[in-house]
Amino acid sequence: MRYRPPQPKGSKFITPEGAERLKSELDHLWRVLRPQVTQAVQEAAAQGDRSENAEYIYGKRQLREIDRRVRFLRQRLDGMVVVDKPPSDPSRVFFGAWVKL
């Protein structure tokens, strides 16, 4: 058996289905959810005093969380390697394989 050093935390390999899920989450956050929250923050800011405006404070917090997740997803997707075809040797276990014992 060949020794393989442990992978660093957060493997860079992903299945096509996993990559599609991450891309759709990123798209939903950026194109749907973020504009909605931005609009809500603008409406809350228009009400006046922001220091005691709970809707404004909560909206800003939501925007920070969305932006943090968007940054994470973009960095993650940039470094990903999509594994879409199995290796030629079917007797070996490979990434994304279903194994029956």
PDB file of N, CA and C in Angstrom:
ATOM      1  N   MET A   1       0.841  -1.175   0.000  1.00  0.00           N
ATOM      2  CA  MET A   1       0.000   0.000   0.000  1.00  0.00           C
ATOM      3  C   MET A   1       0.884   1.235   0.000  1.00  0.00           C
ATOM      4  N   ARG A   2       0.535   2.174  -0.795  1.00  0.00           N
ATOM      5  CA  ARG A   2       1.317   3.382  -0.954  1.00  0.00           C
ATOM      6  C   ARG A   2       0.911   4.404   0.090  1.00  0.00           C
ATOM      7  N   TYR A   3       1.894   5.065   0.714  1.00  0.00           N
ATOM      8  CA  TYR A   3       1.613   6.103   1.706  1.00  0.00           C
ATOM      9  C   TYR A   3       1.246   7.391   0.995  1.00  0.00           C
ATOM     10  N   ARG A   4       0.182   7.976   1.448  1.00  0.00           N
ATOM     11  CA  ARG A   4      -0.251   9.257   0.905  1.00  0.00           C
ATOM     12  C   ARG A   4      -0.417  10.210   2.077  1.00  0.00           C
ATOM     13  N   PRO A   5       0.341  11.307   2.106  1.00  0.00           N
ATOM     14  CA  PRO A   5       0.216  12.238   3.237  1.00  0.00           C
ATOM     15  C   PRO A   5      -1.198  12.810   3.297  1.00  0.00           C
ATOM     16  N   PRO A   6      -1.637  13.174   4.495  1.00  0.00           N
ATOM     17  CA  PRO A   6      -2.996  13.707   4.628  1.00  0.00           C
ATOM     18  C   PRO A   6      -3.166  15.002   3.849  1.00  0.00           C
ATOM     19  N   GLN A   7      -4.354  15.159   3.281  1.00  0.00           N
ATOM     20  CA  GLN A   7      -4.676  16.374   2.540  1.00  0.00           C
ATOM     21  C   GLN A   7      -4.847  17.527   3.519  1.00  0.00           C
ATOM     22  N   PRO A   8      -4.476  18.716   3.118  1.00  0.00           N
ATOM     23  CA  PRO A   8      -4.734  19.868   3.985  1.00  0.00           C
ATOM     24  C   PRO A   8      -6.237  20.029   4.180  1.00  0.00           C
ATOM     25  N   LYS A   9      -6.590  20.724   5.251  1.00  0.00           N
ATOM     26  CA  LYS A   9      -7.999  20.919   5.562  1.00  0.00           C
ATOM     27  C   LYS A   9      -8.706  21.563   4.377  1.00  0.00           C
ATOM     28  N   GLY A  10      -9.836  20.992   4.002  1.00  0.00           N
ATOM     29  CA  GLY A  10     -10.587  21.525   2.872  1.00  0.00           C
ATOM     30  C   GLY A  10     -10.023  21.027   1.557  1.00  0.00           C
ATOM     31  N   SER A  11     -10.381  19.819   1.179  1.00  0.00           N
ATOM     32  CA  SER A  11      -9.896  19.224  -0.061  1.00  0.00           C
ATOM     33  C   SER A  11     -10.296  20.082  -1.257  1.00  0.00           C
ATOM     34  N   LYS A  12      -9.452  20.123  -2.264  1.00  0.00           N
ATOM     35  CA  LYS A  12      -9.739  20.945  -3.434  1.00  0.00           C
ATOM     36  C   LYS A  12     -10.519  20.187  -4.506  1.00  0.00           C
ATOM     37  N   PHE A  13     -10.826  18.919  -4.254  1.00  0.00           N
ATOM     38  CA  PHE A  13     -11.576  18.128  -5.218  1.00  0.00           C
ATOM     39  C   PHE A  13     -13.066  18.198  -4.918  1.00  0.00           C
ATOM     40  N   ILE A  14     -13.869  18.182  -5.982  1.00  0.00           N
ATOM     41  CA  ILE A  14     -15.317  18.260  -5.816  1.00  0.00           C
ATOM     42  C   ILE A  14     -15.986  17.548  -6.990  1.00  0.00           C
ATOM     43  N   THR A  15     -17.141  16.979  -6.731  1.00  0.00           N
ATOM     44  CA  THR A  15     -17.911  16.340  -7.795  1.00  0.00           C
ATOM     45  C   THR A  15     -18.625  17.417  -8.612  1.00  0.00           C
ATOM     46  N   PRO A  16     -19.046  17.089  -9.834  1.00  0.00           N
ATOM     47  CA  PRO A  16     -19.795  18.078 -10.623  1.00  0.00           C
ATOM     48  C   PRO A  16     -21.079  18.529  -9.922  1.00  0.00           C
ATOM     49  N   GLU A  17     -21.742  17.601  -9.233  1.00  0.00           N
ATOM     50  CA  GLU A  17     -22.970  17.957  -8.519  1.00  0.00           C
ATOM     51  C   GLU A  17     -22.668  18.930  -7.380  1.00  0.00           C
ATOM     52  N   GLY A  18     -21.587  18.675  -6.655  1.00  0.00           N
ATOM     53  CA  GLY A  18     -21.201  19.563  -5.560  1.00  0.00           C
ATOM     54  C   GLY A  18     -20.838  20.948  -6.061  1.00  0.00           C
ATOM     55  N   ALA A  19     -20.110  21.003  -7.174  1.00  0.00           N
ATOM     56  CA  ALA A  19     -19.740  22.296  -7.752  1.00  0.00           C
ATOM     57  C   ALA A  19     -20.984  23.061  -8.190  1.00  0.00           C
ATOM     58  N   GLU A  20     -21.938  22.349  -8.766  1.00  0.00           N
ATOM     59  CA  GLU A  20     -23.171  23.005  -9.207  1.00  0.00           C
ATOM     60  C   GLU A  20     -23.962  23.547  -8.020  1.00  0.00           C
ATOM     61  N   ARG A  21     -23.990  22.795  -6.922  1.00  0.00           N
ATOM     62  CA  ARG A  21     -24.692  23.280  -5.726  1.00  0.00           C
ATOM     63  C   ARG A  21     -24.050  24.547  -5.176  1.00  0.00           C
ATOM     64  N   LEU A  22     -22.710  24.567  -5.127  1.00  0.00           N
ATOM     65  CA  LEU A  22     -22.020  25.760  -4.628  1.00  0.00           C
ATOM     66  C   LEU A  22     -22.262  26.954  -5.550  1.00  0.00           C
ATOM     67  N   LYS A  23     -22.225  26.711  -6.865  1.00  0.00           N
ATOM     68  CA  LYS A  23     -22.465  27.798  -7.816  1.00  0.00           C
ATOM     69  C   LYS A  23     -23.887  28.335  -7.698  1.00  0.00           C
ATOM     70  N   SER A  24     -24.852  27.431  -7.518  1.00  0.00           N
ATOM     71  CA  SER A  24     -26.237  27.903  -7.404  1.00  0.00           C
ATOM     72  C   SER A  24     -26.448  28.661  -6.095  1.00  0.00           C
ATOM     73  N   GLU A  25     -25.774  28.227  -5.018  1.00  0.00           N
ATOM     74  CA  GLU A  25     -25.872  28.973  -3.758  1.00  0.00           C
ATOM     75  C   GLU A  25     -25.279  30.368  -3.918  1.00  0.00           C
ATOM     76  N   LEU A  26     -24.113  30.446  -4.560  1.00  0.00           N
ATOM     77  CA  LEU A  26     -23.475  31.739  -4.794  1.00  0.00           C
ATOM     78  C   LEU A  26     -24.374  32.637  -5.641  1.00  0.00           C
ATOM     79  N   ASP A  27     -24.942  32.078  -6.685  1.00  0.00           N
ATOM     80  CA  ASP A  27     -25.818  32.853  -7.557  1.00  0.00           C
ATOM     81  C   ASP A  27     -27.045  33.356  -6.799  1.00  0.00           C
ATOM     82  N   HIS A  28     -27.644  32.497  -5.985  1.00  0.00           N
ATOM     83  CA  HIS A  28     -28.820  32.890  -5.208  1.00  0.00           C
ATOM     84  C   HIS A  28     -28.466  33.997  -4.212  1.00  0.00           C
ATOM     85  N   LEU A  29     -27.344  33.840  -3.512  1.00  0.00           N
ATOM     86  CA  LEU A  29     -26.943  34.857  -2.538  1.00  0.00           C
ATOM     87  C   LEU A  29     -26.695  36.197  -3.216  1.00  0.00           C
ATOM     88  N   TRP A  30     -25.988  36.172  -4.344  1.00  0.00           N
ATOM     89  CA  TRP A  30     -25.551  37.408  -4.982  1.00  0.00           C
ATOM     90  C   TRP A  30     -26.665  38.091  -5.778  1.00  0.00           C
ATOM     91  N   ARG A  31     -27.492  37.312  -6.459  1.00  0.00           N
ATOM     92  CA  ARG A  31     -28.493  37.907  -7.352  1.00  0.00           C
ATOM     93  C   ARG A  31     -29.873  38.062  -6.724  1.00  0.00           C
ATOM     94  N   VAL A  32     -30.180  37.275  -5.692  1.00  0.00           N
ATOM     95  CA  VAL A  32     -31.524  37.318  -5.114  1.00  0.00           C
ATOM     96  C   VAL A  32     -31.498  37.876  -3.699  1.00  0.00           C
ATOM     97  N   LEU A  33     -30.792  37.195  -2.815  1.00  0.00           N
ATOM     98  CA  LEU A  33     -30.865  37.535  -1.395  1.00  0.00           C
ATOM     99  C   LEU A  33     -30.195  38.871  -1.066  1.00  0.00           C
ATOM    100  N   ARG A  34     -28.994  39.103  -1.603  1.00  0.00           N
ATOM    101  CA  ARG A  34     -28.281  40.339  -1.273  1.00  0.00           C
ATOM    102  C   ARG A  34     -29.042  41.585  -1.723  1.00  0.00           C
ATOM    103  N   PRO A  35     -29.591  41.624  -2.948  1.00  0.00           N
ATOM    104  CA  PRO A  35     -30.377  42.809  -3.321  1.00  0.00           C
ATOM    105  C   PRO A  35     -31.604  43.027  -2.432  1.00  0.00           C
ATOM    106  N   GLN A  36     -32.241  41.940  -2.001  1.00  0.00           N
ATOM    107  CA  GLN A  36     -33.397  42.085  -1.108  1.00  0.00           C
ATOM    108  C   GLN A  36     -32.985  42.704   0.224  1.00  0.00           C
ATOM    109  N   VAL A  37     -31.894  42.199   0.790  1.00  0.00           N
ATOM    110  CA  VAL A  37     -31.430  42.710   2.081  1.00  0.00           C
ATOM    111  C   VAL A  37     -30.936  44.146   1.928  1.00  0.00           C
ATOM    112  N   THR A  38     -30.260  44.445   0.827  1.00  0.00           N
ATOM    113  CA  THR A  38     -29.796  45.812   0.581  1.00  0.00           C
ATOM    114  C   THR A  38     -30.976  46.778   0.514  1.00  0.00           C
ATOM    115  N   GLN A  39     -32.029  46.372  -0.160  1.00  0.00           N
ATOM    116  CA  GLN A  39     -33.226  47.214  -0.241  1.00  0.00           C
ATOM    117  C   GLN A  39     -33.835  47.425   1.138  1.00  0.00           C
ATOM    118  N   ALA A  40     -33.891  46.359   1.946  1.00  0.00           N
ATOM    119  CA  ALA A  40     -34.447  46.473   3.300  1.00  0.00           C
ATOM    120  C   ALA A  40     -33.601  47.408   4.162  1.00  0.00           C
ATOM    121  N   VAL A  41     -32.278  47.352   4.003  1.00  0.00           N
ATOM    122  CA  VAL A  41     -31.387  48.234   4.764  1.00  0.00           C
ATOM    123  C   VAL A  41     -31.603  49.684   4.339  1.00  0.00           C
ATOM    124  N   GLN A  42     -31.754  49.917   3.046  1.00  0.00           N
ATOM    125  CA  GLN A  42     -32.003  51.278   2.569  1.00  0.00           C
ATOM    126  C   GLN A  42     -33.309  51.829   3.129  1.00  0.00           C
ATOM    127  N   GLU A  43     -34.339  50.997   3.151  1.00  0.00           N
ATOM    128  CA  GLU A  43     -35.624  51.441   3.692  1.00  0.00           C
ATOM    129  C   GLU A  43     -35.524  51.722   5.189  1.00  0.00           C
ATOM    130  N   ALA A  44     -34.780  50.870   5.907  1.00  0.00           N
ATOM    131  CA  ALA A  44     -34.613  51.080   7.346  1.00  0.00           C
ATOM    132  C   ALA A  44     -33.785  52.332   7.614  1.00  0.00           C
ATOM    133  N   ALA A  45     -32.777  52.588   6.781  1.00  0.00           N
ATOM    134  CA  ALA A  45     -31.937  53.771   6.964  1.00  0.00           C
ATOM    135  C   ALA A  45     -32.729  55.050   6.710  1.00  0.00           C
ATOM    136  N   ALA A  46     -33.711  54.962   5.842  1.00  0.00           N
ATOM    137  CA  ALA A  46     -34.516  56.143   5.527  1.00  0.00           C
ATOM    138  C   ALA A  46     -35.430  56.549   6.676  1.00  0.00           C
ATOM    139  N   GLN A  47     -35.588  55.675   7.657  1.00  0.00           N
ATOM    140  CA  GLN A  47     -36.467  55.975   8.789  1.00  0.00           C
ATOM    141  C   GLN A  47     -35.841  56.944   9.783  1.00  0.00           C
ATOM    142  N   GLY A  48     -34.561  57.180   9.656  1.00  0.00           N
ATOM    143  CA  GLY A  48     -33.942  58.169  10.541  1.00  0.00           C
ATOM    144  C   GLY A  48     -32.815  57.594  11.371  1.00  0.00           C
ATOM    145  N   ASP A  49     -32.879  57.785  12.673  1.00  0.00           N
ATOM    146  CA  ASP A  49     -31.814  57.431  13.611  1.00  0.00           C
ATOM    147  C   ASP A  49     -31.406  55.969  13.456  1.00  0.00           C
ATOM    148  N   ARG A  50     -30.164  55.752  13.056  1.00  0.00           N
ATOM    149  CA  ARG A  50     -29.687  54.395  12.805  1.00  0.00           C
ATOM    150  C   ARG A  50     -29.162  53.718  14.058  1.00  0.00           C
ATOM    151  N   SER A  51     -28.834  54.482  15.072  1.00  0.00           N
ATOM    152  CA  SER A  51     -28.241  53.890  16.274  1.00  0.00           C
ATOM    153  C   SER A  51     -29.245  53.055  17.056  1.00  0.00           C
ATOM    154  N   GLU A  52     -30.512  53.384  16.970  1.00  0.00           N
ATOM    155  CA  GLU A  52     -31.538  52.631  17.693  1.00  0.00           C
ATOM    156  C   GLU A  52     -32.504  51.939  16.741  1.00  0.00           C
ATOM    157  N   ASN A  53     -32.108  51.808  15.492  1.00  0.00           N
ATOM    158  CA  ASN A  53     -32.955  51.208  14.470  1.00  0.00           C
ATOM    159  C   ASN A  53     -32.594  49.727  14.343  1.00  0.00           C
ATOM    160  N   ALA A  54     -33.388  48.861  14.954  1.00  0.00           N
ATOM    161  CA  ALA A  54     -33.089  47.426  14.978  1.00  0.00           C
ATOM    162  C   ALA A  54     -33.118  46.818  13.583  1.00  0.00           C
ATOM    163  N   GLU A  55     -34.032  47.262  12.743  1.00  0.00           N
ATOM    164  CA  GLU A  55     -34.107  46.725  11.384  1.00  0.00           C
ATOM    165  C   GLU A  55     -32.840  47.054  10.603  1.00  0.00           C
ATOM    166  N   TYR A  56     -32.337  48.262  10.780  1.00  0.00           N
ATOM    167  CA  TYR A  56     -31.110  48.669  10.102  1.00  0.00           C
ATOM    168  C   TYR A  56     -29.922  47.853  10.599  1.00  0.00           C
ATOM    169  N   ILE A  57     -29.799  47.726  11.907  1.00  0.00           N
ATOM    170  CA  ILE A  57     -28.675  46.985  12.492  1.00  0.00           C
ATOM    171  C   ILE A  57     -28.722  45.524  12.067  1.00  0.00           C
ATOM    172  N   TYR A  58     -29.897  44.911  12.130  1.00  0.00           N
ATOM    173  CA  TYR A  58     -30.040  43.515  11.729  1.00  0.00           C
ATOM    174  C   TYR A  58     -29.754  43.341  10.237  1.00  0.00           C
ATOM    175  N   GLY A  59     -30.220  44.269   9.412  1.00  0.00           N
ATOM    176  CA  GLY A  59     -29.967  44.196   7.976  1.00  0.00           C
ATOM    177  C   GLY A  59     -28.492  44.295   7.646  1.00  0.00           C
ATOM    178  N   LYS A  60     -27.794  45.199   8.331  1.00  0.00           N
ATOM    179  CA  LYS A  60     -26.344  45.318   8.111  1.00  0.00           C
ATOM    180  C   LYS A  60     -25.631  44.031   8.511  1.00  0.00           C
ATOM    181  N   ARG A  61     -26.088  43.415   9.597  1.00  0.00           N
ATOM    182  CA  ARG A  61     -25.493  42.147  10.032  1.00  0.00           C
ATOM    183  C   ARG A  61     -25.735  41.061   8.976  1.00  0.00           C
ATOM    184  N   GLN A  62     -26.938  41.025   8.431  1.00  0.00           N
ATOM    185  CA  GLN A  62     -27.242  40.057   7.378  1.00  0.00           C
ATOM    186  C   GLN A  62     -26.358  40.282   6.155  1.00  0.00           C
ATOM    187  N   LEU A  63     -26.162  41.547   5.787  1.00  0.00           N
ATOM    188  CA  LEU A  63     -25.294  41.848   4.645  1.00  0.00           C
ATOM    189  C   LEU A  63     -23.869  41.367   4.882  1.00  0.00           C
ATOM    190  N   ARG A  64     -23.358  41.573   6.091  1.00  0.00           N
ATOM    191  CA  ARG A  64     -22.003  41.096   6.406  1.00  0.00           C
ATOM    192  C   ARG A  64     -21.922  39.577   6.292  1.00  0.00           C
ATOM    193  N   GLU A  65     -22.941  38.876   6.786  1.00  0.00           N
ATOM    194  CA  GLU A  65     -22.943  37.415   6.712  1.00  0.00           C
ATOM    195  C   GLU A  65     -23.033  36.934   5.264  1.00  0.00           C
ATOM    196  N   ILE A  66     -23.863  37.585   4.466  1.00  0.00           N
ATOM    197  CA  ILE A  66     -23.979  37.222   3.057  1.00  0.00           C
ATOM    198  C   ILE A  66     -22.656  37.469   2.345  1.00  0.00           C
ATOM    199  N   ASP A  67     -22.050  38.636   2.585  1.00  0.00           N
ATOM    200  CA  ASP A  67     -20.772  38.956   1.944  1.00  0.00           C
ATOM    201  C   ASP A  67     -19.678  37.980   2.357  1.00  0.00           C
ATOM    202  N   ARG A  68     -19.680  37.582   3.625  1.00  0.00           N
ATOM    203  CA  ARG A  68     -18.688  36.612   4.102  1.00  0.00           C
ATOM    204  C   ARG A  68     -18.863  35.280   3.374  1.00  0.00           C
ATOM    205  N   ARG A  69     -20.089  34.820   3.243  1.00  0.00           N
ATOM    206  CA  ARG A  69     -20.358  33.551   2.561  1.00  0.00           C
ATOM    207  C   ARG A  69     -20.024  33.648   1.076  1.00  0.00           C
ATOM    208  N   VAL A  70     -20.318  34.780   0.448  1.00  0.00           N
ATOM    209  CA  VAL A  70     -19.997  34.974  -0.967  1.00  0.00           C
ATOM    210  C   VAL A  70     -18.489  34.920  -1.173  1.00  0.00           C
ATOM    211  N   ARG A  71     -17.723  35.594  -0.305  1.00  0.00           N
ATOM    212  CA  ARG A  71     -16.258  35.543  -0.408  1.00  0.00           C
ATOM    213  C   ARG A  71     -15.761  34.111  -0.271  1.00  0.00           C
ATOM    214  N   PHE A  72     -16.294  33.383   0.715  1.00  0.00           N
ATOM    215  CA  PHE A  72     -15.884  31.999   0.932  1.00  0.00           C
ATOM    216  C   PHE A  72     -16.178  31.152  -0.304  1.00  0.00           C
ATOM    217  N   LEU A  73     -17.383  31.272  -0.848  1.00  0.00           N
ATOM    218  CA  LEU A  73     -17.757  30.458  -2.007  1.00  0.00           C
ATOM    219  C   LEU A  73     -16.906  30.793  -3.226  1.00  0.00           C
ATOM    220  N   ARG A  74     -16.639  32.070  -3.448  1.00  0.00           N
ATOM    221  CA  ARG A  74     -15.810  32.447  -4.599  1.00  0.00           C
ATOM    222  C   ARG A  74     -14.394  31.907  -4.464  1.00  0.00           C
ATOM    223  N   GLN A  75     -13.812  32.029  -3.276  1.00  0.00           N
ATOM    224  CA  GLN A  75     -12.468  31.492  -3.064  1.00  0.00           C
ATOM    225  C   GLN A  75     -12.463  29.981  -3.217  1.00  0.00           C
ATOM    226  N   ARG A  76     -13.477  29.340  -2.678  1.00  0.00           N
ATOM    227  CA  ARG A  76     -13.566  27.885  -2.736  1.00  0.00           C
ATOM    228  C   ARG A  76     -13.721  27.411  -4.176  1.00  0.00           C
ATOM    229  N   LEU A  77     -14.583  28.052  -4.940  1.00  0.00           N
ATOM    230  CA  LEU A  77     -14.814  27.642  -6.319  1.00  0.00           C
ATOM    231  C   LEU A  77     -13.602  27.918  -7.205  1.00  0.00           C
ATOM    232  N   ASP A  78     -12.864  28.988  -6.917  1.00  0.00           N
ATOM    233  CA  ASP A  78     -11.670  29.292  -7.711  1.00  0.00           C
ATOM    234  C   ASP A  78     -10.607  28.210  -7.572  1.00  0.00           C
ATOM    235  N   GLY A  79     -10.501  27.607  -6.393  1.00  0.00           N
ATOM    236  CA  GLY A  79      -9.468  26.607  -6.157  1.00  0.00           C
ATOM    237  C   GLY A  79      -9.912  25.176  -6.349  1.00  0.00           C
ATOM    238  N   MET A  80     -11.149  24.964  -6.772  1.00  0.00           N
ATOM    239  CA  MET A  80     -11.694  23.613  -6.887  1.00  0.00           C
ATOM    240  C   MET A  80     -11.243  22.918  -8.167  1.00  0.00           C
ATOM    241  N   VAL A  81     -11.107  21.607  -8.053  1.00  0.00           N
ATOM    242  CA  VAL A  81     -10.859  20.750  -9.204  1.00  0.00           C
ATOM    243  C   VAL A  81     -12.060  19.821  -9.312  1.00  0.00           C
ATOM    244  N   VAL A  82     -12.824  19.951 -10.392  1.00  0.00           N
ATOM    245  CA  VAL A  82     -14.012  19.120 -10.580  1.00  0.00           C
ATOM    246  C   VAL A  82     -13.572  17.766 -11.113  1.00  0.00           C
ATOM    247  N   VAL A  83     -13.920  16.720 -10.383  1.00  0.00           N
ATOM    248  CA  VAL A  83     -13.583  15.354 -10.781  1.00  0.00           C
ATOM    249  C   VAL A  83     -14.832  14.779 -11.434  1.00  0.00           C
ATOM    250  N   ASP A  84     -14.822  14.739 -12.779  1.00  0.00           N
ATOM    251  CA  ASP A  84     -16.031  14.321 -13.472  1.00  0.00           C
ATOM    252  C   ASP A  84     -15.928  12.966 -14.149  1.00  0.00           C
ATOM    253  N   LYS A  85     -14.752  12.370 -14.185  1.00  0.00           N
ATOM    254  CA  LYS A  85     -14.657  11.036 -14.777  1.00  0.00           C
ATOM    255  C   LYS A  85     -13.803  10.136 -13.885  1.00  0.00           C
ATOM    256  N   PRO A  86     -14.228   8.899 -13.737  1.00  0.00           N
ATOM    257  CA  PRO A  86     -13.484   7.974 -12.877  1.00  0.00           C
ATOM    258  C   PRO A  86     -12.178   7.555 -13.537  1.00  0.00           C
ATOM    259  N   PRO A  87     -11.219   7.108 -12.729  1.00  0.00           N
ATOM    260  CA  PRO A  87      -9.970   6.613 -13.305  1.00  0.00           C
ATOM    261  C   PRO A  87     -10.220   5.337 -14.111  1.00  0.00           C
ATOM    262  N   SER A  88      -9.261   4.979 -14.928  1.00  0.00           N
ATOM    263  CA  SER A  88      -9.435   3.834 -15.822  1.00  0.00           C
ATOM    264  C   SER A  88      -9.417   2.489 -15.094  1.00  0.00           C
ATOM    265  N   ASP A  89      -8.887   2.430 -13.884  1.00  0.00           N
ATOM    266  CA  ASP A  89      -8.810   1.170 -13.138  1.00  0.00           C
ATOM    267  C   ASP A  89      -9.998   1.066 -12.177  1.00  0.00           C
ATOM    268  N   PRO A  90     -11.036   0.287 -12.526  1.00  0.00           N
ATOM    269  CA  PRO A  90     -12.227   0.203 -11.671  1.00  0.00           C
ATOM    270  C   PRO A  90     -12.022  -0.608 -10.392  1.00  0.00           C
ATOM    271  N   SER A  91     -10.872  -1.238 -10.241  1.00  0.00           N
ATOM    272  CA  SER A  91     -10.627  -2.041  -9.037  1.00  0.00           C
ATOM    273  C   SER A  91     -10.130  -1.186  -7.872  1.00  0.00           C
ATOM    274  N   ARG A  92      -9.918   0.083  -8.099  1.00  0.00           N
ATOM    275  CA  ARG A  92      -9.429   0.978  -7.051  1.00  0.00           C
ATOM    276  C   ARG A  92     -10.512   1.980  -6.670  1.00  0.00           C
ATOM    277  N   VAL A  93     -10.492   2.350  -5.412  1.00  0.00           N
ATOM    278  CA  VAL A  93     -11.426   3.357  -4.926  1.00  0.00           C
ATOM    279  C   VAL A  93     -10.912   4.734  -5.341  1.00  0.00           C
ATOM    280  N   PHE A  94     -11.806   5.579  -5.799  1.00  0.00           N
ATOM    281  CA  PHE A  94     -11.428   6.910  -6.247  1.00  0.00           C
ATOM    282  C   PHE A  94     -12.405   7.930  -5.689  1.00  0.00           C
ATOM    283  N   PHE A  95     -12.068   9.184  -5.824  1.00  0.00           N
ATOM    284  CA  PHE A  95     -12.909  10.265  -5.312  1.00  0.00           C
ATOM    285  C   PHE A  95     -14.267  10.240  -5.992  1.00  0.00           C
ATOM    286  N   GLY A  96     -15.314  10.289  -5.180  1.00  0.00           N
ATOM    287  CA  GLY A  96     -16.673  10.303  -5.705  1.00  0.00           C
ATOM    288  C   GLY A  96     -17.245   8.927  -5.989  1.00  0.00           C
ATOM    289  N   ALA A  97     -16.508   7.869  -5.656  1.00  0.00           N
ATOM    290  CA  ALA A  97     -16.973   6.511  -5.933  1.00  0.00           C
ATOM    291  C   ALA A  97     -17.963   6.043  -4.876  1.00  0.00           C
ATOM    292  N   TRP A  98     -18.867   5.178  -5.290  1.00  0.00           N
ATOM    293  CA  TRP A  98     -19.777   4.496  -4.369  1.00  0.00           C
ATOM    294  C   TRP A  98     -19.208   3.099  -4.178  1.00  0.00           C
ATOM    295  N   VAL A  99     -18.931   2.742  -2.934  1.00  0.00           N
ATOM    296  CA  VAL A  99     -18.276   1.465  -2.642  1.00  0.00           C
ATOM    297  C   VAL A  99     -19.217   0.584  -1.838  1.00  0.00           C
ATOM    298  N   LYS A 100     -19.381  -0.669  -2.279  1.00  0.00           N
ATOM    299  CA  LYS A 100     -20.160  -1.657  -1.527  1.00  0.00           C
ATOM    300  C   LYS A 100     -19.187  -2.648  -0.918  1.00  0.00           C
ATOM    301  N   LEU A 101     -19.355  -2.900   0.361  1.00  0.00           N
ATOM    302  CA  LEU A 101     -18.484  -3.859   1.043  1.00  0.00           C
ATOM    303  C   LEU A 101     -19.192  -5.170   1.231  1.00  0.00           C
TER     304      LEU A 101
END
